[in-house]
């Protein structure tokens, strides 16, 4: 039957009388946005991974350079440590030699004085400018000094020193030279002290003490040369003393400082060295790697994003009509073929513009395309999101209505769009369509349904413009 105003009932399986204003075209638009988002996320993930790899390699390279700098600092500190060992070994040796020389006099029954070894002390001062003065004490009281003007003058009682028990008492008990310090003299001067217990035929006779200027010792050890590029910090602890004597720049105690311990006799020193700036020197290759690596990572991310977008565009173009953006014939046939396998009821409607050739001849092909797009927009407004629409070729369109048990829904749609007006070159032109409908109850073979809809469309056009045919 062909008619423009038939009155079939609608059985849409619970669907409302009004139609959703969302079409398959909008679904495709949402899919395109989803594809763009996925492409962006994929590119972002790849970029982040590459940046992490670049950063890891950069950090590894930087850490190797830092370790190289730390190794250089460690070498400098080892040099200082070696020089200090040599200096303290010399101090120990000279103290023992001077002590033994004095003990020879004591064994012979002579009184002793530093004058006996003054020439040796002068020689010591020449080869070690750090030597400051020497004292001889008997019964813990200073009885002789060299030179005469010294920190502890004759008559000074050693027992008044805070460190007497640990520093002096211990030396008097052992048969060897002891070194400790640095000891603060209270006038911004500190001394490294070398002691030797003097013995006569009756046992301990007294105490020989040599004082060495601590700062001068550091100079002799090469500390000042090292401080041109590094900062140093020394902490000194004597035996069980809880008091620490610190020297140097406290800022050196930061985590990246190289730490080294030195133990000699009673000495317990902790030495720390750090670069004045950074352990790593300015490295152009490292800087270039960081910059180039970052740009390459970003470039790869952009390339992946653009490539994915291009791929999606190609994929979309293979599925859609280039002019209208609707599904193309091949994709629609896939959709219809899948629907035929399911149990739901549906309808297929084939639409053709009756006066399309007339519009093309009168207004040109560009305006003909404009008329097509106007019809497409009208179709989008009246079909549901669940429905599928495609350009079937030329001025033909095909619609798949899901959950449709009879042709009434198709008739109502046809009544809404049978006459669409579009402005062409300032003139309102009417776009008139015809429609052929096939229902799934008539068969579930895709080709047969399309052929039925096409036959009914042809029949509708034979009977005049603006017609719909649902039977025959």
Protein backbone atom coordinates (compact mmCIF):
# COMPACT_ATOMS: atom_id res chain seq x y z
CA UNK A 1 0.00 0.00 0.00
CA UNK A 2 1.18 3.53 -0.77
CA UNK A 3 -0.14 6.38 1.28
CA UNK A 4 0.91 9.64 2.85
CA UNK A 5 -1.51 9.55 5.82
CA UNK A 6 -2.07 5.95 6.89
CA UNK A 7 -3.19 5.15 10.46
CA UNK A 8 -1.33 2.05 11.59
CA UNK A 9 -0.81 1.48 15.30
CA UNK A 10 2.64 1.69 16.82
CA UNK A 11 4.10 -1.16 18.84
CA UNK A 12 7.57 -0.03 19.91
CA UNK A 13 8.02 -2.45 22.85
CA UNK A 14 7.86 0.03 25.65
CA UNK A 15 9.42 2.92 23.71
CA UNK A 16 7.85 6.34 24.28
CA UNK A 17 5.76 7.99 21.65
CA UNK A 18 8.28 10.82 21.31
CA UNK A 19 11.60 10.10 19.58
CA UNK A 20 15.07 10.67 21.03
CA UNK A 21 16.76 13.61 19.24
CA UNK A 22 20.07 11.73 19.20
CA UNK A 23 21.17 9.89 16.09
CA UNK A 24 23.74 7.39 14.96
CA UNK A 25 25.71 10.33 13.59
CA UNK A 26 26.04 11.69 17.10
CA UNK A 27 27.19 8.27 18.28
CA UNK A 28 29.91 8.39 15.64
CA UNK A 29 30.83 11.86 16.86
CA UNK A 30 31.11 10.55 20.41
CA UNK A 31 33.22 7.67 19.14
CA UNK A 32 35.53 10.08 17.33
CA UNK A 33 35.95 12.10 20.52
CA UNK A 34 36.65 8.88 22.39
CA UNK A 35 39.26 7.91 19.80
CA UNK A 36 40.91 11.32 20.09
CA UNK A 37 40.98 10.99 23.87
CA UNK A 38 42.43 7.48 23.65
CA UNK A 39 45.05 8.67 21.17
CA UNK A 40 45.97 11.50 23.51
CA UNK A 41 46.18 9.18 26.53
CA UNK A 42 48.26 6.67 24.58
CA UNK A 43 50.63 9.41 23.40
CA UNK A 44 50.77 10.82 26.92
CA UNK A 45 51.61 7.41 28.37
CA UNK A 46 54.36 6.81 25.81
CA UNK A 47 55.74 10.31 26.43
CA UNK A 48 55.76 9.77 30.20
CA UNK A 49 57.50 6.39 29.80
CA UNK A 50 60.12 7.90 27.50
CA UNK A 51 60.62 10.84 29.83
CA UNK A 52 61.04 8.45 32.75
CA UNK A 53 63.58 6.43 30.77
CA UNK A 54 65.37 9.63 29.78
CA UNK A 55 65.32 10.86 33.37
CA UNK A 56 66.58 7.50 34.66
CA UNK A 57 69.46 7.48 32.19
CA UNK A 58 70.12 11.15 32.92
CA UNK A 59 70.20 10.46 36.65
CA UNK A 60 72.46 7.46 36.12
CA UNK A 61 74.87 9.55 34.06
CA UNK A 62 74.70 12.36 36.59
CA UNK A 63 75.28 10.00 39.51
CA UNK A 64 78.34 8.61 37.75
CA UNK A 65 79.66 12.13 37.32
CA UNK A 66 78.84 12.88 40.96
CA UNK A 67 80.61 9.71 42.04
CA UNK A 68 83.57 10.74 39.91
CA UNK A 69 83.61 14.09 41.73
CA UNK A 70 83.25 12.36 45.10
CA UNK A 71 86.08 10.04 44.19
CA UNK A 72 88.25 13.06 43.43
CA UNK A 73 87.30 14.50 46.84
CA UNK A 74 88.03 11.15 48.47
CA UNK A 75 91.45 11.14 46.81
CA UNK A 76 92.16 14.62 48.19
CA UNK A 77 91.05 13.53 51.66
CA UNK A 78 93.22 10.41 51.44
CA UNK A 79 96.15 12.66 50.57
CA UNK A 80 95.51 14.80 53.66
CA UNK A 81 95.11 11.68 55.79
CA UNK A 82 98.37 10.25 54.47
CA UNK A 83 100.23 13.52 55.13
CA UNK A 84 98.82 13.68 58.66
CA UNK A 85 99.98 10.13 59.33
CA UNK A 86 103.47 11.03 58.13
CA UNK A 87 103.58 14.21 60.22
CA UNK A 88 102.36 12.45 63.35
CA UNK A 89 104.81 9.63 62.73
CA UNK A 90 107.63 12.18 62.60
CA UNK A 91 106.36 13.84 65.78
CA UNK A 92 106.23 10.48 67.51
CA UNK A 93 109.73 9.62 66.29
CA UNK A 94 111.31 12.93 67.36
CA UNK A 95 109.58 12.82 70.73
CA UNK A 96 110.91 9.31 71.34
CA UNK A 97 114.44 10.31 70.23
CA UNK A 98 114.52 13.39 72.47
CA UNK A 99 113.09 11.40 75.37
CA UNK A 100 115.65 8.65 74.99
CA UNK A 101 118.45 11.25 74.85
CA UNK A 102 117.26 12.73 78.13
CA UNK A 103 116.87 9.28 79.68
CA UNK A 104 120.54 8.59 78.93
CA UNK A 105 121.46 11.55 81.11
CA UNK A 106 119.06 10.39 83.82
CA UNK A 107 120.58 6.92 83.75
CA UNK A 108 124.03 8.50 84.18
CA UNK A 109 122.78 10.35 87.24
CA UNK A 110 122.80 13.84 85.69
CA UNK A 111 120.09 16.44 85.92
CA UNK A 112 118.31 16.99 82.62
CA UNK A 113 117.11 20.09 80.85
CA UNK A 114 115.82 20.96 77.43
CA UNK A 115 119.06 22.79 76.77
CA UNK A 116 120.62 19.38 76.16
CA UNK A 117 118.36 18.86 73.15
CA UNK A 118 117.94 22.50 72.11
CA UNK A 119 119.87 21.94 68.90
CA UNK A 120 117.56 19.04 68.07
CA UNK A 121 114.52 21.17 68.87
CA UNK A 122 115.82 23.95 66.62
CA UNK A 123 116.31 21.44 63.83
CA UNK A 124 112.80 20.12 64.42
CA UNK A 125 111.40 23.63 64.11
CA UNK A 126 113.23 24.09 60.81
CA UNK A 127 111.87 20.96 59.19
CA UNK A 128 108.46 21.18 60.88
CA UNK A 129 107.34 24.82 61.30
CA UNK A 130 104.37 23.48 63.26
CA UNK A 131 106.63 22.82 66.30
CA UNK A 132 105.74 25.41 68.96
CA UNK A 133 107.43 24.55 72.27
CA UNK A 134 108.52 21.75 74.61
CA UNK A 135 108.25 21.25 78.35
CA UNK A 136 109.66 18.93 80.99
CA UNK A 137 107.51 18.23 84.03
CA UNK A 138 108.46 16.43 87.22
CA UNK A 139 105.87 15.32 89.72
CA UNK A 140 103.27 16.93 87.42
CA UNK A 141 104.85 20.40 87.68
CA UNK A 142 106.59 22.06 84.72
CA UNK A 143 110.29 22.48 85.56
CA UNK A 144 111.74 23.49 82.17
CA UNK A 145 110.52 24.98 78.89
CA UNK A 146 111.95 25.66 75.47
CA UNK A 147 111.74 28.33 74.31
CA UNK A 148 111.25 30.20 77.56
CA UNK A 149 108.06 32.11 76.68
CA UNK A 150 105.52 29.34 76.29
CA UNK A 151 101.94 28.49 77.17
CA UNK A 152 102.84 26.49 80.29
CA UNK A 153 105.54 28.32 82.22
CA UNK A 154 107.80 26.83 84.87
CA UNK A 155 105.77 25.97 87.96
CA UNK A 156 102.57 25.18 86.04
CA UNK A 157 100.74 22.22 87.62
CA UNK A 158 99.59 19.78 84.93
CA UNK A 159 96.93 18.38 87.25
CA UNK A 160 94.91 21.56 86.75
CA UNK A 161 94.26 20.53 83.15
CA UNK A 162 90.74 19.21 82.54
CA UNK A 163 92.08 16.32 80.50
CA UNK A 164 94.77 15.30 82.99
CA UNK A 165 93.59 11.76 83.69
CA UNK A 166 92.91 10.77 80.10
CA UNK A 167 95.69 12.79 78.50
CA UNK A 168 98.59 12.78 80.93
CA UNK A 169 97.82 10.06 83.46
CA UNK A 170 97.55 7.50 80.67
CA UNK A 171 100.93 8.52 79.19
CA UNK A 172 102.67 8.09 82.55
CA UNK A 173 101.36 4.51 82.70
CA UNK A 174 102.54 3.32 79.29
CA UNK A 175 106.03 2.82 77.91
CA UNK A 176 105.43 4.62 74.62
CA UNK A 177 104.84 7.97 73.01
CA UNK A 178 101.23 9.17 73.00
CA UNK A 179 99.66 11.77 70.75
CA UNK A 180 96.38 13.52 71.36
CA UNK A 181 94.62 16.73 70.53
CA UNK A 182 94.03 19.19 69.24
CA UNK A 183 93.85 20.88 72.64
CA UNK A 184 92.38 24.35 72.78
CA UNK A 185 94.82 26.83 74.38
CA UNK A 186 92.08 29.43 74.84
CA UNK A 187 93.62 32.13 72.65
CA UNK A 188 92.26 30.86 69.34
CA UNK A 189 95.25 28.56 69.22
CA UNK A 190 95.18 24.79 69.45
CA UNK A 191 97.98 22.29 69.76
CA UNK A 192 98.65 18.71 68.84
CA UNK A 193 100.52 17.24 71.82
CA UNK A 194 103.15 14.49 71.81
CA UNK A 195 104.13 13.10 75.25
CA UNK A 196 106.85 10.76 76.49
CA UNK A 197 107.20 9.47 80.05
CA UNK A 198 110.84 9.92 81.17
CA UNK A 199 112.31 7.11 83.25
CA UNK A 200 115.40 6.90 85.43
CA UNK A 201 116.80 3.92 87.29
CA UNK A 202 113.97 4.17 89.84
CA UNK A 203 111.06 4.30 87.41
CA UNK A 204 109.01 7.23 86.10
CA UNK A 205 110.98 10.42 86.56
CA UNK A 206 108.86 12.96 84.69
CA UNK A 207 107.18 13.88 81.42
CA UNK A 208 108.50 15.31 78.15
CA UNK A 209 105.86 17.14 76.11
CA UNK A 210 106.17 18.58 72.60
CA UNK A 211 103.47 20.97 71.37
CA UNK A 212 102.74 21.44 67.67
CA UNK A 213 100.57 24.22 66.30
CA UNK A 214 97.52 22.47 64.92
CA UNK A 215 96.74 24.95 62.15
CA UNK A 216 100.33 24.79 60.97
CA UNK A 217 100.11 21.00 60.92
CA UNK A 218 97.08 21.26 58.64
CA UNK A 219 99.03 23.61 56.39
CA UNK A 220 101.90 21.12 56.23
CA UNK A 221 99.36 18.38 55.42
CA UNK A 222 98.16 20.40 52.40
CA UNK A 223 94.73 21.34 53.72
CA UNK A 224 94.86 24.90 52.41
CA UNK A 225 95.61 23.70 48.89
CA UNK A 226 92.61 21.39 49.01
CA UNK A 227 90.33 24.12 50.40
CA UNK A 228 90.65 26.04 47.13
CA UNK A 229 88.03 23.71 45.64
CA UNK A 230 86.52 21.97 48.66
CA UNK A 231 85.17 22.65 52.11
CA UNK A 232 86.55 20.66 55.04
CA UNK A 233 85.27 19.87 58.49
CA UNK A 234 87.15 17.92 61.17
CA UNK A 235 85.75 16.57 64.42
CA UNK A 236 88.22 15.44 67.09
CA UNK A 237 87.45 13.26 70.11
CA UNK A 238 89.97 12.19 72.75
CA UNK A 239 89.39 8.83 74.34
CA UNK A 240 86.29 8.88 76.52
CA UNK A 241 85.93 12.67 76.38
CA UNK A 242 82.42 13.74 75.53
CA UNK A 243 83.61 17.15 74.35
CA UNK A 244 84.31 17.53 70.66
CA UNK A 245 86.75 19.90 69.09
CA UNK A 246 85.52 21.00 65.67
CA UNK A 247 87.48 22.69 62.94
CA UNK A 248 86.41 23.85 59.51
CA UNK A 249 83.09 24.72 57.89
CA UNK A 250 80.14 23.07 59.55
CA UNK A 251 78.16 23.21 56.28
CA UNK A 252 80.39 20.39 55.10
CA UNK A 253 78.41 17.96 57.26
CA UNK A 254 75.70 17.72 54.60
CA UNK A 255 74.69 14.28 53.40
CA UNK A 256 76.81 14.28 50.23
CA UNK A 257 80.08 14.90 52.09
CA UNK A 258 82.79 12.25 51.87
CA UNK A 259 83.62 11.01 55.38
CA UNK A 260 86.86 9.40 56.50
CA UNK A 261 88.13 8.45 59.97
CA UNK A 262 91.68 8.76 61.28
CA UNK A 263 92.89 6.98 64.41
CA UNK A 264 96.44 7.40 65.70
CA UNK A 265 97.55 6.76 69.25
CA UNK A 266 94.96 8.59 71.36
CA UNK A 267 93.71 10.55 68.36
CA UNK A 268 90.24 9.89 66.95
CA UNK A 269 89.44 12.23 64.11
CA UNK A 270 86.57 12.29 61.67
CA UNK A 271 87.34 14.17 58.47
CA UNK A 272 84.70 15.35 56.02
CA UNK A 273 85.10 16.94 52.62
CA UNK A 274 82.55 18.35 50.21
CA UNK A 275 82.68 20.31 47.00
CA UNK A 276 82.23 24.05 47.41
CA UNK A 277 79.52 23.96 44.78
CA UNK A 278 78.48 20.58 43.52
CA UNK A 279 80.32 17.31 43.11
CA UNK A 280 79.44 17.44 39.45
CA UNK A 281 81.10 19.95 37.19
CA UNK A 282 79.12 21.65 34.44
CA UNK A 283 78.76 19.06 31.70
CA UNK A 284 77.65 20.17 28.24
CA UNK A 285 77.07 16.56 27.05
CA UNK A 286 74.87 15.86 30.08
CA UNK A 287 72.93 19.10 29.56
CA UNK A 288 72.47 18.37 25.86
CA UNK A 289 71.36 14.82 26.63
CA UNK A 290 68.74 16.10 29.06
CA UNK A 291 67.43 18.69 26.60
CA UNK A 292 67.55 16.48 23.50
CA UNK A 293 66.14 13.48 25.39
CA UNK A 294 63.21 15.54 26.65
CA UNK A 295 62.47 16.98 23.21
CA UNK A 296 62.76 13.56 21.58
CA UNK A 297 60.35 12.10 24.15
CA UNK A 298 57.87 14.91 23.54
CA UNK A 299 58.39 14.59 19.79
CA UNK A 300 57.69 10.87 19.86
CA UNK A 301 54.56 11.54 21.92
CA UNK A 302 53.33 14.13 19.41
CA UNK A 303 54.17 11.78 16.52
CA UNK A 304 52.25 8.93 18.14
CA UNK A 305 49.29 11.22 18.82
CA UNK A 306 49.18 12.57 15.26
CA UNK A 307 49.69 9.10 13.83
CA UNK A 308 46.84 7.72 15.93
CA UNK A 309 44.59 10.60 14.89
CA UNK A 310 45.52 9.99 11.26
CA UNK A 311 44.83 6.28 11.68
CA UNK A 312 41.45 6.99 13.28
CA UNK A 313 40.62 9.47 10.52
CA UNK A 314 41.45 6.86 7.88
CA UNK A 315 39.48 4.27 9.81
CA UNK A 316 36.54 6.64 10.18
CA UNK A 317 36.63 7.58 6.51
CA UNK A 318 36.55 3.91 5.61
CA UNK A 319 33.36 3.57 7.68
CA UNK A 320 31.57 6.82 6.90
CA UNK A 321 30.44 8.90 3.98
CA UNK A 322 32.81 11.79 3.32
CA UNK A 323 30.05 14.34 2.60
CA UNK A 324 27.45 13.61 5.27
CA UNK A 325 29.52 11.85 7.94
CA UNK A 326 26.92 9.06 8.05
CA UNK A 327 27.77 5.37 7.85
CA UNK A 328 28.63 4.22 4.36
CA UNK A 329 26.89 1.36 2.62
CA UNK A 330 29.46 -1.29 3.62
CA UNK A 331 29.29 -0.41 7.33
CA UNK A 332 25.50 -0.27 7.28
CA UNK A 333 25.34 -3.72 5.71
CA UNK A 334 27.60 -5.01 8.51
CA UNK A 335 25.25 -3.45 11.07
CA UNK A 336 22.15 -4.88 9.39
CA UNK A 337 23.73 -8.31 8.98
CA UNK A 338 24.49 -8.41 12.73
CA UNK A 339 20.97 -7.23 13.58
CA UNK A 340 19.46 -9.99 11.43
CA UNK A 341 21.19 -12.56 13.64
CA UNK A 342 19.49 -11.23 16.76
CA UNK A 343 15.93 -11.89 17.89
CA UNK A 344 14.67 -8.32 18.05
CA UNK A 345 12.12 -6.89 15.64
CA UNK A 346 13.30 -4.10 13.36
CA UNK A 347 12.47 -2.20 10.21
CA UNK A 348 14.54 -1.03 7.24
CA UNK A 349 13.55 2.17 5.45
CA UNK A 350 15.09 3.28 2.16
CA UNK A 351 14.75 6.99 1.34
CA UNK A 352 15.25 8.79 -1.97
CA UNK A 353 15.00 12.49 -2.87
CA UNK A 354 12.38 12.82 -5.59
CA UNK A 355 13.53 16.17 -6.95
CA UNK A 356 17.30 15.81 -6.46
CA UNK A 357 18.12 15.81 -10.20
CA UNK A 358 15.95 18.88 -10.64
CA UNK A 359 17.80 20.67 -7.81
CA UNK A 360 21.19 19.71 -9.27
CA UNK A 361 20.22 20.87 -12.75
CA UNK A 362 18.74 24.13 -11.50
CA UNK A 363 21.12 25.16 -8.72
CA UNK A 364 24.26 23.12 -9.37
CA UNK A 365 25.97 20.24 -7.64
CA UNK A 366 27.20 22.28 -4.67
CA UNK A 367 23.66 23.31 -3.85
CA UNK A 368 22.63 19.71 -4.45
CA UNK A 369 25.06 18.69 -1.72
CA UNK A 370 23.58 21.39 0.47
CA UNK A 371 20.12 19.88 -0.05
CA UNK A 372 21.48 16.46 0.92
CA UNK A 373 22.98 17.86 4.12
CA UNK A 374 19.73 19.62 4.95
CA UNK A 375 17.86 16.32 4.70
CA UNK A 376 20.53 14.60 6.82
CA UNK A 377 20.12 17.19 9.58
CA UNK A 378 16.37 16.68 9.50
CA UNK A 379 16.81 12.91 9.76
CA UNK A 380 19.19 13.29 12.71
CA UNK A 381 16.60 15.28 14.61
CA UNK A 382 13.91 12.65 14.25
CA UNK A 383 15.57 9.27 14.69
CA UNK A 384 16.65 7.70 17.96
CA UNK A 385 20.14 7.02 19.28
CA UNK A 386 19.55 3.29 18.87
CA UNK A 387 18.71 3.65 15.17
CA UNK A 388 21.30 3.44 12.40
CA UNK A 389 21.44 5.70 9.37
CA UNK A 390 23.67 5.57 6.30
CA UNK A 391 24.08 7.12 2.90
CA UNK A 392 23.29 4.29 0.53
CA UNK A 393 24.46 6.02 -2.62
CA UNK A 394 23.79 9.26 -4.48
CA UNK A 395 20.61 10.74 -3.04
CA UNK A 396 19.54 7.53 -1.30
CA UNK A 397 19.63 7.01 2.48
CA UNK A 398 18.80 3.92 4.50
CA UNK A 399 17.67 3.71 8.13
CA UNK A 400 17.61 0.76 10.54
CA UNK A 401 14.88 1.10 13.20
CA UNK A 402 15.55 -1.19 16.17
CA UNK A 403 12.67 -2.67 18.20
CA UNK A 404 10.07 -1.77 15.61
CA UNK A 405 7.21 -4.27 15.05
CA UNK A 406 5.25 -2.42 12.34
CA UNK A 407 5.55 0.44 9.89
CA UNK A 408 3.72 3.07 11.96
CA UNK A 409 6.90 4.52 13.42
CA UNK A 410 8.34 4.81 9.91
CA UNK A 411 5.18 6.56 8.75
CA UNK A 412 5.37 9.12 11.57
CA UNK A 413 9.01 9.82 10.73
CA UNK A 414 8.10 10.14 7.06
CA UNK A 415 5.36 12.66 7.85
CA UNK A 416 7.90 14.76 9.77
CA UNK A 417 10.53 14.86 7.03
CA UNK A 418 8.66 14.33 3.75
CA UNK A 419 8.99 18.02 2.92
CA UNK A 420 12.25 19.67 4.03
CA UNK A 421 12.94 23.25 3.05
CA UNK A 422 16.42 24.57 2.33
CA UNK A 423 17.60 27.98 1.15
CA UNK A 424 19.49 27.79 -2.12
CA UNK A 425 20.81 31.02 -3.63
CA UNK A 426 18.33 33.02 -1.57
CA UNK A 427 15.35 30.90 -2.59
CA UNK A 428 13.46 28.51 -0.31
CA UNK A 429 13.49 25.16 -2.09
CA UNK A 430 11.47 22.15 -0.96
CA UNK A 431 13.29 18.80 -0.75
CA UNK A 432 10.70 16.05 -1.34
CA UNK A 433 11.41 12.41 -0.45
CA UNK A 434 9.89 8.98 -0.98
CA UNK A 435 10.33 6.00 1.36
CA UNK A 436 10.15 2.22 1.06
CA UNK A 437 9.88 0.11 4.26
CA UNK A 438 10.61 -3.57 4.98
CA UNK A 439 9.91 -5.27 8.34
CA UNK A 440 11.93 -8.07 9.94
CA UNK A 441 8.75 -10.15 10.21
CA UNK A 442 8.90 -10.47 6.40
CA UNK A 443 12.27 -12.20 6.57
CA UNK A 444 15.64 -11.92 8.28
CA UNK A 445 17.90 -12.07 5.26
CA UNK A 446 19.80 -8.83 4.80
CA UNK A 447 19.83 -8.79 1.01
CA UNK A 448 16.15 -9.73 0.82
CA UNK A 449 15.14 -6.94 3.23
CA UNK A 450 17.10 -4.32 1.30
CA UNK A 451 15.66 -5.58 -1.98
CA UNK A 452 12.13 -5.39 -0.52
CA UNK A 453 12.66 -1.84 0.74
CA UNK A 454 14.12 -0.83 -2.64
CA UNK A 455 11.19 -2.35 -4.53
CA UNK A 456 8.69 -0.50 -2.34
CA UNK A 457 10.63 2.74 -2.73
CA UNK A 458 10.43 2.32 -6.49
CA UNK A 459 6.69 1.65 -6.24
CA UNK A 460 6.21 4.77 -4.08
CA UNK A 461 8.04 6.93 -6.63
CA UNK A 462 5.91 5.53 -9.46
CA UNK A 463 2.76 6.73 -7.73
CA UNK A 464 4.04 10.29 -7.27
CA UNK A 465 6.32 12.42 -5.16
CA UNK A 466 6.32 12.40 -1.37
CA UNK A 467 4.99 8.88 -0.95
CA UNK A 468 5.72 5.96 1.42
CA UNK A 469 5.18 2.30 0.57
CA UNK A 470 5.13 -0.43 3.24
CA UNK A 471 3.61 -3.34 1.31
CA UNK A 472 3.80 -4.99 -2.05
